[in-house]
Amino acid sequence: MGSKQNLEGKIAFIGIGANLGDPAANCREAILRINAIDGIRILRHSLLYKTQPVGLDSQPWFANAAAEIRTTLSPWDLLLALKNVERNMGRQESVHWGPRVIDLDILFYGQEVISEDKLKIPHPELHRRRFVLAPLDEIASYVIHPLYGISVRGLYERLENDHVAEIIGD
């Protein structure tokens, strides 16, 4: 394989979130760690957003971002690499939708649709979540959801919840 500058492969989008420790610093650290993985190059990432928790309201607010990557990893290998970053950053499995030091999700992998027990692409909830769509819209408003045929911007504009997603910095 060539250098990271010449990396070929698929374009994918990763959702990044944290609400334990220093959430913004954890998101920034995750971006650095993702970019250091062989077979992945981050093309760009969004600003950080302060977002309201979803599902389990009685927890700290999150910092969220999205990253566009180019990767030669398969979807399964990408998932394993992201889970490894989470583990190395101290993530421990806890309550569903509960607090976490870092959370990394594959949002899109090209235009592929995968529906297996441990891997669902596109992410099955992204079209309902402001904390995903706000940063994703910033860097990839034009990307078409392969199941709905609607752009990220269109999904964002159609959101029916009033959850908060405010820019907090880079």
N, C-alpha and C. Protein backbone atom coordinates (compact mmCIF):
# COMPACT_ATOMS: atom_id res chain seq x y z
N MET A 1 0.86 -1.18 0.00
CA MET A 1 0.00 0.00 0.00
C MET A 1 0.90 1.23 0.00
N GLY A 2 0.47 2.30 -0.68
CA GLY A 2 1.22 3.54 -0.76
C GLY A 2 1.11 4.36 0.51
N SER A 3 1.59 5.57 0.43
CA SER A 3 1.53 6.45 1.59
C SER A 3 0.08 6.87 1.86
N LYS A 4 -0.12 7.46 3.03
CA LYS A 4 -1.47 7.94 3.37
C LYS A 4 -1.93 8.99 2.38
N GLN A 5 -1.01 9.76 1.81
CA GLN A 5 -1.38 10.81 0.86
C GLN A 5 -2.04 10.20 -0.38
N ASN A 6 -1.63 9.00 -0.75
CA ASN A 6 -2.15 8.37 -1.96
C ASN A 6 -3.16 7.26 -1.67
N LEU A 7 -3.65 7.22 -0.45
CA LEU A 7 -4.55 6.16 -0.04
C LEU A 7 -5.79 6.13 -0.93
N GLU A 8 -6.09 4.95 -1.44
CA GLU A 8 -7.31 4.76 -2.22
C GLU A 8 -8.34 4.13 -1.30
N GLY A 9 -9.45 3.72 -1.87
CA GLY A 9 -10.45 3.04 -1.06
C GLY A 9 -11.76 3.78 -1.06
N LYS A 10 -12.58 3.44 -0.09
CA LYS A 10 -13.93 3.98 0.02
C LYS A 10 -13.96 5.24 0.87
N ILE A 11 -14.92 6.09 0.55
CA ILE A 11 -15.22 7.23 1.40
C ILE A 11 -16.24 6.74 2.43
N ALA A 12 -15.97 7.04 3.69
CA ALA A 12 -16.88 6.67 4.77
C ALA A 12 -17.00 7.86 5.71
N PHE A 13 -18.03 7.85 6.53
CA PHE A 13 -18.25 8.91 7.50
C PHE A 13 -18.40 8.27 8.87
N ILE A 14 -17.73 8.88 9.85
CA ILE A 14 -17.71 8.38 11.21
C ILE A 14 -18.36 9.41 12.14
N GLY A 15 -19.24 8.96 13.00
CA GLY A 15 -19.80 9.79 14.06
C GLY A 15 -18.94 9.65 15.30
N ILE A 16 -18.67 10.76 15.97
CA ILE A 16 -17.78 10.79 17.13
C ILE A 16 -18.52 11.49 18.26
N GLY A 17 -18.52 10.89 19.44
CA GLY A 17 -19.20 11.51 20.57
C GLY A 17 -18.59 11.10 21.89
N ALA A 18 -18.75 11.95 22.90
CA ALA A 18 -18.26 11.66 24.25
C ALA A 18 -18.99 12.55 25.24
N ASN A 19 -19.15 12.04 26.48
CA ASN A 19 -19.71 12.90 27.52
C ASN A 19 -19.12 12.63 28.90
N LEU A 20 -18.02 11.90 28.96
CA LEU A 20 -17.31 11.68 30.22
C LEU A 20 -15.91 12.28 30.15
N GLY A 21 -15.35 12.63 31.29
CA GLY A 21 -14.02 13.24 31.31
C GLY A 21 -14.10 14.62 30.67
N ASP A 22 -13.21 14.86 29.71
CA ASP A 22 -13.24 16.09 28.91
C ASP A 22 -13.76 15.71 27.53
N PRO A 23 -15.07 15.78 27.31
CA PRO A 23 -15.66 15.27 26.06
C PRO A 23 -15.04 15.86 24.79
N ALA A 24 -14.80 17.17 24.76
CA ALA A 24 -14.23 17.78 23.56
C ALA A 24 -12.82 17.25 23.31
N ALA A 25 -12.01 17.16 24.36
CA ALA A 25 -10.65 16.61 24.21
C ALA A 25 -10.70 15.15 23.77
N ASN A 26 -11.66 14.39 24.29
CA ASN A 26 -11.78 12.98 23.90
C ASN A 26 -12.12 12.86 22.42
N CYS A 27 -12.98 13.72 21.92
CA CYS A 27 -13.33 13.69 20.49
C CYS A 27 -12.11 14.04 19.64
N ARG A 28 -11.38 15.07 20.06
CA ARG A 28 -10.16 15.46 19.31
C ARG A 28 -9.14 14.32 19.32
N GLU A 29 -8.97 13.68 20.46
CA GLU A 29 -8.03 12.56 20.57
C GLU A 29 -8.47 11.41 19.67
N ALA A 30 -9.75 11.12 19.63
CA ALA A 30 -10.26 10.04 18.78
C ALA A 30 -9.96 10.34 17.31
N ILE A 31 -10.12 11.57 16.89
CA ILE A 31 -9.83 11.95 15.50
C ILE A 31 -8.36 11.67 15.19
N LEU A 32 -7.45 12.04 16.09
CA LEU A 32 -6.02 11.76 15.88
C LEU A 32 -5.75 10.27 15.81
N ARG A 33 -6.38 9.53 16.69
CA ARG A 33 -6.16 8.07 16.71
C ARG A 33 -6.73 7.40 15.47
N ILE A 34 -7.88 7.84 15.01
CA ILE A 34 -8.45 7.27 13.78
C ILE A 34 -7.51 7.53 12.60
N ASN A 35 -7.01 8.74 12.51
CA ASN A 35 -6.12 9.10 11.39
C ASN A 35 -4.81 8.32 11.44
N ALA A 36 -4.41 7.83 12.59
CA ALA A 36 -3.16 7.09 12.73
C ALA A 36 -3.29 5.61 12.34
N ILE A 37 -4.50 5.15 12.10
CA ILE A 37 -4.72 3.74 11.75
C ILE A 37 -4.29 3.50 10.30
N ASP A 38 -3.51 2.44 10.09
CA ASP A 38 -3.14 2.05 8.72
C ASP A 38 -4.41 1.76 7.93
N GLY A 39 -4.48 2.31 6.73
CA GLY A 39 -5.65 2.09 5.89
C GLY A 39 -6.74 3.12 6.06
N ILE A 40 -6.48 4.15 6.87
CA ILE A 40 -7.47 5.23 7.07
C ILE A 40 -6.76 6.57 6.95
N ARG A 41 -7.39 7.47 6.23
CA ARG A 41 -6.94 8.87 6.20
C ARG A 41 -8.16 9.74 6.41
N ILE A 42 -8.10 10.61 7.41
CA ILE A 42 -9.20 11.57 7.62
C ILE A 42 -9.05 12.67 6.58
N LEU A 43 -10.11 12.88 5.81
CA LEU A 43 -10.12 13.93 4.79
C LEU A 43 -10.51 15.26 5.40
N ARG A 44 -11.49 15.23 6.30
CA ARG A 44 -11.92 16.44 7.01
C ARG A 44 -12.83 16.01 8.15
N HIS A 45 -12.99 16.93 9.08
CA HIS A 45 -13.92 16.66 10.18
C HIS A 45 -14.66 17.95 10.50
N SER A 46 -15.78 17.78 11.14
CA SER A 46 -16.63 18.92 11.51
C SER A 46 -16.05 19.63 12.72
N LEU A 47 -16.66 20.74 13.03
CA LEU A 47 -16.44 21.38 14.32
C LEU A 47 -17.05 20.48 15.40
N LEU A 48 -16.80 20.81 16.65
CA LEU A 48 -17.41 20.08 17.75
C LEU A 48 -18.74 20.75 18.11
N TYR A 49 -19.70 19.93 18.48
CA TYR A 49 -21.03 20.40 18.86
C TYR A 49 -21.34 19.93 20.27
N LYS A 50 -21.93 20.79 21.07
CA LYS A 50 -22.46 20.40 22.37
C LYS A 50 -23.89 19.94 22.12
N THR A 51 -24.19 18.71 22.54
CA THR A 51 -25.50 18.15 22.20
C THR A 51 -26.17 17.53 23.42
N GLN A 52 -27.46 17.61 23.37
CA GLN A 52 -28.34 17.09 24.41
C GLN A 52 -28.35 15.56 24.34
N PRO A 53 -28.29 14.87 25.48
CA PRO A 53 -28.36 13.41 25.44
C PRO A 53 -29.71 12.93 24.92
N VAL A 54 -29.68 11.79 24.25
CA VAL A 54 -30.90 11.18 23.71
C VAL A 54 -31.04 9.80 24.33
N GLY A 55 -32.25 9.45 24.71
CA GLY A 55 -32.51 8.12 25.25
C GLY A 55 -32.44 8.07 26.76
N LEU A 56 -31.34 8.53 27.33
CA LEU A 56 -31.15 8.55 28.78
C LEU A 56 -30.82 10.00 29.14
N ASP A 57 -31.84 10.75 29.53
CA ASP A 57 -31.69 12.19 29.73
C ASP A 57 -30.83 12.58 30.94
N SER A 58 -30.79 11.74 31.96
CA SER A 58 -30.10 12.10 33.20
C SER A 58 -28.61 11.75 33.13
N GLN A 59 -27.91 12.40 32.21
CA GLN A 59 -26.47 12.23 32.06
C GLN A 59 -25.90 13.53 31.50
N PRO A 60 -24.57 13.70 31.56
CA PRO A 60 -23.98 14.93 31.02
C PRO A 60 -24.23 15.07 29.52
N TRP A 61 -24.22 16.34 29.07
CA TRP A 61 -24.34 16.59 27.64
C TRP A 61 -23.10 16.08 26.92
N PHE A 62 -23.23 15.89 25.61
CA PHE A 62 -22.17 15.32 24.79
C PHE A 62 -21.43 16.38 23.99
N ALA A 63 -20.22 16.04 23.59
CA ALA A 63 -19.53 16.71 22.50
C ALA A 63 -19.61 15.73 21.34
N ASN A 64 -19.99 16.22 20.17
CA ASN A 64 -20.11 15.37 18.98
C ASN A 64 -19.43 16.01 17.78
N ALA A 65 -18.99 15.17 16.87
CA ALA A 65 -18.38 15.60 15.61
C ALA A 65 -18.62 14.50 14.58
N ALA A 66 -18.28 14.80 13.35
CA ALA A 66 -18.32 13.82 12.28
C ALA A 66 -17.03 13.95 11.48
N ALA A 67 -16.55 12.83 10.95
CA ALA A 67 -15.34 12.84 10.14
C ALA A 67 -15.58 12.11 8.83
N GLU A 68 -15.03 12.67 7.76
CA GLU A 68 -15.02 12.01 6.46
C GLU A 68 -13.66 11.34 6.32
N ILE A 69 -13.67 10.05 6.01
CA ILE A 69 -12.42 9.33 5.85
C ILE A 69 -12.37 8.66 4.49
N ARG A 70 -11.15 8.35 4.08
CA ARG A 70 -10.94 7.44 2.96
C ARG A 70 -10.27 6.22 3.57
N THR A 71 -10.79 5.03 3.26
CA THR A 71 -10.26 3.83 3.89
C THR A 71 -10.16 2.66 2.91
N THR A 72 -9.12 1.88 3.12
CA THR A 72 -8.97 0.62 2.37
C THR A 72 -9.47 -0.55 3.21
N LEU A 73 -9.90 -0.27 4.44
CA LEU A 73 -10.43 -1.32 5.31
C LEU A 73 -11.83 -1.72 4.87
N SER A 74 -12.16 -2.97 5.04
CA SER A 74 -13.53 -3.42 4.80
C SER A 74 -14.42 -2.82 5.90
N PRO A 75 -15.73 -2.84 5.71
CA PRO A 75 -16.60 -2.33 6.78
C PRO A 75 -16.36 -3.03 8.12
N TRP A 76 -16.18 -4.35 8.09
CA TRP A 76 -15.95 -5.11 9.33
C TRP A 76 -14.63 -4.72 9.97
N ASP A 77 -13.57 -4.58 9.15
CA ASP A 77 -12.27 -4.20 9.70
C ASP A 77 -12.30 -2.77 10.23
N LEU A 78 -13.05 -1.90 9.57
CA LEU A 78 -13.20 -0.53 10.06
C LEU A 78 -13.90 -0.53 11.41
N LEU A 79 -14.96 -1.31 11.53
CA LEU A 79 -15.67 -1.41 12.81
C LEU A 79 -14.72 -1.90 13.91
N LEU A 80 -13.94 -2.94 13.62
CA LEU A 80 -13.00 -3.47 14.61
C LEU A 80 -11.96 -2.43 15.00
N ALA A 81 -11.46 -1.67 14.02
CA ALA A 81 -10.47 -0.62 14.30
C ALA A 81 -11.07 0.47 15.19
N LEU A 82 -12.31 0.87 14.92
CA LEU A 82 -12.97 1.89 15.74
C LEU A 82 -13.23 1.38 17.16
N LYS A 83 -13.65 0.13 17.28
CA LYS A 83 -13.87 -0.46 18.60
C LYS A 83 -12.55 -0.52 19.38
N ASN A 84 -11.46 -0.78 18.68
CA ASN A 84 -10.14 -0.81 19.32
C ASN A 84 -9.76 0.57 19.85
N VAL A 85 -10.05 1.63 19.07
CA VAL A 85 -9.80 3.00 19.53
C VAL A 85 -10.63 3.27 20.79
N GLU A 86 -11.90 2.89 20.75
CA GLU A 86 -12.76 3.10 21.93
C GLU A 86 -12.18 2.41 23.16
N ARG A 87 -11.79 1.14 23.01
CA ARG A 87 -11.23 0.37 24.13
C ARG A 87 -9.95 1.02 24.65
N ASN A 88 -9.07 1.41 23.72
CA ASN A 88 -7.79 2.02 24.12
C ASN A 88 -7.98 3.38 24.79
N MET A 89 -9.08 4.04 24.53
CA MET A 89 -9.37 5.32 25.17
C MET A 89 -10.13 5.13 26.49
N GLY A 90 -10.41 3.88 26.85
CA GLY A 90 -11.02 3.61 28.15
C GLY A 90 -12.52 3.37 28.14
N ARG A 91 -13.10 3.21 26.95
CA ARG A 91 -14.54 2.95 26.92
C ARG A 91 -14.86 1.59 27.50
N GLN A 92 -15.87 1.57 28.35
CA GLN A 92 -16.37 0.32 28.90
C GLN A 92 -17.85 0.23 28.57
N GLU A 93 -18.28 -0.96 28.25
CA GLU A 93 -19.70 -1.15 27.94
C GLU A 93 -20.53 -0.85 29.18
N SER A 94 -21.60 -0.12 28.99
CA SER A 94 -22.48 0.22 30.11
C SER A 94 -23.92 0.23 29.62
N VAL A 95 -24.72 1.04 30.22
CA VAL A 95 -26.13 1.14 29.87
C VAL A 95 -26.29 1.58 28.42
N HIS A 96 -27.28 1.00 27.73
CA HIS A 96 -27.57 1.42 26.36
C HIS A 96 -27.88 2.91 26.35
N TRP A 97 -27.23 3.66 25.46
CA TRP A 97 -27.37 5.11 25.33
C TRP A 97 -26.87 5.86 26.56
N GLY A 98 -26.06 5.17 27.37
CA GLY A 98 -25.55 5.79 28.59
C GLY A 98 -24.28 6.59 28.36
N PRO A 99 -23.70 7.11 29.44
CA PRO A 99 -22.49 7.92 29.35
C PRO A 99 -21.32 7.10 28.81
N ARG A 100 -20.42 7.80 28.10
CA ARG A 100 -19.25 7.11 27.57
C ARG A 100 -18.11 8.08 27.36
N VAL A 101 -16.89 7.55 27.50
CA VAL A 101 -15.69 8.35 27.31
C VAL A 101 -15.48 8.66 25.82
N ILE A 102 -15.93 7.74 24.96
CA ILE A 102 -15.87 7.95 23.50
C ILE A 102 -16.84 6.97 22.84
N ASP A 103 -17.43 7.40 21.76
CA ASP A 103 -18.33 6.56 20.97
C ASP A 103 -18.04 6.85 19.51
N LEU A 104 -17.71 5.81 18.76
CA LEU A 104 -17.39 5.94 17.34
C LEU A 104 -18.33 5.05 16.54
N ASP A 105 -19.05 5.64 15.61
CA ASP A 105 -20.01 4.90 14.79
C ASP A 105 -19.74 5.12 13.32
N ILE A 106 -19.86 4.05 12.54
CA ILE A 106 -19.81 4.18 11.08
C ILE A 106 -21.19 4.68 10.65
N LEU A 107 -21.23 5.86 10.05
CA LEU A 107 -22.50 6.42 9.59
C LEU A 107 -22.81 5.96 8.17
N PHE A 108 -21.86 6.14 7.29
CA PHE A 108 -21.95 5.68 5.90
C PHE A 108 -20.63 5.03 5.52
N TYR A 109 -20.69 4.06 4.62
CA TYR A 109 -19.51 3.44 4.03
C TYR A 109 -19.80 3.38 2.54
N GLY A 110 -19.33 4.40 1.81
CA GLY A 110 -19.74 4.53 0.41
C GLY A 110 -21.25 4.61 0.37
N GLN A 111 -21.82 3.89 -0.57
CA GLN A 111 -23.28 3.80 -0.64
C GLN A 111 -23.75 2.40 -0.26
N GLU A 112 -22.90 1.69 0.48
CA GLU A 112 -23.23 0.32 0.85
C GLU A 112 -24.33 0.27 1.90
N VAL A 113 -25.11 -0.80 1.82
CA VAL A 113 -26.14 -1.09 2.81
C VAL A 113 -25.81 -2.46 3.39
N ILE A 114 -25.56 -2.49 4.69
CA ILE A 114 -25.22 -3.72 5.38
C ILE A 114 -26.15 -3.84 6.58
N SER A 115 -26.77 -5.01 6.73
CA SER A 115 -27.67 -5.23 7.86
C SER A 115 -27.37 -6.59 8.45
N GLU A 116 -26.40 -6.59 9.37
CA GLU A 116 -26.02 -7.80 10.09
C GLU A 116 -26.17 -7.52 11.58
N ASP A 117 -26.10 -8.56 12.39
CA ASP A 117 -26.30 -8.40 13.84
C ASP A 117 -25.44 -7.30 14.43
N LYS A 118 -24.15 -7.30 14.19
CA LYS A 118 -23.23 -6.38 14.84
C LYS A 118 -22.81 -5.21 13.95
N LEU A 119 -23.31 -5.17 12.72
CA LEU A 119 -22.91 -4.10 11.80
C LEU A 119 -24.08 -3.70 10.92
N LYS A 120 -24.51 -2.46 11.10
CA LYS A 120 -25.60 -1.91 10.28
C LYS A 120 -25.11 -0.60 9.67
N ILE A 121 -25.08 -0.57 8.34
CA ILE A 121 -24.66 0.62 7.59
C ILE A 121 -25.68 0.84 6.48
N PRO A 122 -26.19 2.06 6.33
CA PRO A 122 -25.93 3.23 7.14
C PRO A 122 -26.43 3.04 8.58
N HIS A 123 -25.89 3.88 9.47
CA HIS A 123 -26.29 3.78 10.87
C HIS A 123 -27.81 3.89 10.94
N PRO A 124 -28.48 2.94 11.61
CA PRO A 124 -29.96 2.89 11.55
C PRO A 124 -30.68 4.06 12.20
N GLU A 125 -30.02 4.85 13.03
CA GLU A 125 -30.71 5.95 13.72
C GLU A 125 -30.25 7.33 13.24
N LEU A 126 -29.30 7.39 12.31
CA LEU A 126 -28.72 8.70 11.98
C LEU A 126 -29.74 9.71 11.48
N HIS A 127 -30.76 9.26 10.78
CA HIS A 127 -31.76 10.18 10.23
C HIS A 127 -32.66 10.79 11.30
N ARG A 128 -32.58 10.28 12.54
CA ARG A 128 -33.41 10.79 13.64
C ARG A 128 -32.63 11.62 14.65
N ARG A 129 -31.32 11.74 14.47
CA ARG A 129 -30.49 12.30 15.52
C ARG A 129 -29.80 13.60 15.11
N ARG A 130 -30.21 14.66 15.76
CA ARG A 130 -29.60 15.97 15.51
C ARG A 130 -28.10 15.96 15.82
N PHE A 131 -27.70 15.22 16.87
CA PHE A 131 -26.29 15.19 17.25
C PHE A 131 -25.42 14.50 16.20
N VAL A 132 -26.02 13.74 15.30
CA VAL A 132 -25.31 13.14 14.17
C VAL A 132 -25.44 14.04 12.95
N LEU A 133 -26.65 14.47 12.67
CA LEU A 133 -26.90 15.22 11.43
C LEU A 133 -26.31 16.62 11.42
N ALA A 134 -26.24 17.30 12.57
CA ALA A 134 -25.68 18.66 12.58
C ALA A 134 -24.21 18.66 12.13
N PRO A 135 -23.33 17.86 12.75
CA PRO A 135 -21.94 17.85 12.27
C PRO A 135 -21.78 17.22 10.89
N LEU A 136 -22.60 16.22 10.58
CA LEU A 136 -22.52 15.59 9.26
C LEU A 136 -22.95 16.56 8.17
N ASP A 137 -23.99 17.35 8.43
CA ASP A 137 -24.45 18.34 7.47
C ASP A 137 -23.36 19.38 7.20
N GLU A 138 -22.60 19.72 8.21
CA GLU A 138 -21.51 20.69 8.05
C GLU A 138 -20.49 20.25 7.01
N ILE A 139 -20.15 18.95 6.99
CA ILE A 139 -19.08 18.48 6.09
C ILE A 139 -19.59 17.68 4.89
N ALA A 140 -20.85 17.25 4.91
CA ALA A 140 -21.32 16.36 3.84
C ALA A 140 -22.81 16.50 3.58
N SER A 141 -23.27 17.72 3.45
CA SER A 141 -24.71 17.95 3.27
C SER A 141 -25.26 17.29 2.01
N TYR A 142 -24.40 17.07 1.04
CA TYR A 142 -24.76 16.55 -0.28
C TYR A 142 -24.87 15.02 -0.33
N VAL A 143 -24.35 14.32 0.67
CA VAL A 143 -24.34 12.85 0.63
C VAL A 143 -25.78 12.35 0.69
N ILE A 144 -26.07 11.40 -0.18
CA ILE A 144 -27.42 10.84 -0.28
C ILE A 144 -27.50 9.57 0.57
N HIS A 145 -28.50 9.50 1.43
CA HIS A 145 -28.73 8.30 2.24
C HIS A 145 -29.15 7.18 1.29
N PRO A 146 -28.42 6.05 1.26
CA PRO A 146 -28.71 5.01 0.27
C PRO A 146 -30.06 4.31 0.43
N LEU A 147 -30.65 4.38 1.60
CA LEU A 147 -31.96 3.75 1.78
C LEU A 147 -33.12 4.71 1.50
N TYR A 148 -32.93 6.00 1.80
CA TYR A 148 -34.02 6.96 1.69
C TYR A 148 -33.94 7.84 0.45
N GLY A 149 -32.78 7.88 -0.20
CA GLY A 149 -32.64 8.72 -1.38
C GLY A 149 -32.73 10.20 -1.09
N ILE A 150 -32.43 10.59 0.15
CA ILE A 150 -32.51 11.98 0.58
C ILE A 150 -31.12 12.40 1.05
N SER A 151 -30.75 13.63 0.77
CA SER A 151 -29.44 14.12 1.19
C SER A 151 -29.39 14.30 2.71
N VAL A 152 -28.18 14.36 3.24
CA VAL A 152 -28.01 14.65 4.67
C VAL A 152 -28.70 15.96 5.01
N ARG A 153 -28.56 16.98 4.17
CA ARG A 153 -29.22 18.26 4.42
C ARG A 153 -30.73 18.08 4.47
N GLY A 154 -31.29 17.31 3.55
CA GLY A 154 -32.73 17.06 3.57
C GLY A 154 -33.18 16.35 4.83
N LEU A 155 -32.40 15.37 5.28
CA LEU A 155 -32.73 14.68 6.52
C LEU A 155 -32.68 15.64 7.71
N TYR A 156 -31.65 16.49 7.72
CA TYR A 156 -31.47 17.45 8.81
C TYR A 156 -32.65 18.43 8.86
N GLU A 157 -33.05 18.90 7.70
CA GLU A 157 -34.17 19.86 7.64
C GLU A 157 -35.50 19.22 8.01
N ARG A 158 -35.62 17.90 7.90
CA ARG A 158 -36.86 17.20 8.20
C ARG A 158 -36.95 16.72 9.66
N LEU A 159 -35.90 16.93 10.45
CA LEU A 159 -35.92 16.47 11.83
C LEU A 159 -37.15 17.00 12.56
N GLU A 160 -37.77 16.15 13.34
CA GLU A 160 -38.97 16.56 14.07
C GLU A 160 -38.72 16.73 15.55
N ASN A 161 -37.46 16.61 16.00
CA ASN A 161 -37.20 16.83 17.42
C ASN A 161 -36.54 18.18 17.61
N ASP A 162 -36.55 18.65 18.82
CA ASP A 162 -35.97 19.97 19.11
C ASP A 162 -34.73 19.85 19.99
N HIS A 163 -34.05 18.71 19.92
CA HIS A 163 -32.83 18.54 20.70
C HIS A 163 -31.80 19.60 20.30
N VAL A 164 -30.97 19.97 21.25
CA VAL A 164 -30.00 21.03 21.04
C VAL A 164 -28.71 20.48 20.46
N ALA A 165 -28.15 21.19 19.47
CA ALA A 165 -26.83 20.90 18.91
C ALA A 165 -26.20 22.25 18.60
N GLU A 166 -25.28 22.70 19.47
CA GLU A 166 -24.65 24.01 19.32
C GLU A 166 -23.16 23.83 19.07
N ILE A 167 -22.61 24.61 18.15
CA ILE A 167 -21.17 24.56 17.88
C ILE A 167 -20.42 25.06 19.10
N ILE A 168 -19.39 24.28 19.51
CA ILE A 168 -18.56 24.70 20.65
C ILE A 168 -17.11 24.93 20.25
N GLY A 169 -16.73 24.61 19.02
CA GLY A 169 -15.36 24.87 18.57
C GLY A 169 -14.81 23.76 17.71
N ASP A 170 -13.50 23.84 17.49
CA ASP A 170 -12.88 22.84 16.64
C ASP A 170 -12.13 21.85 17.52
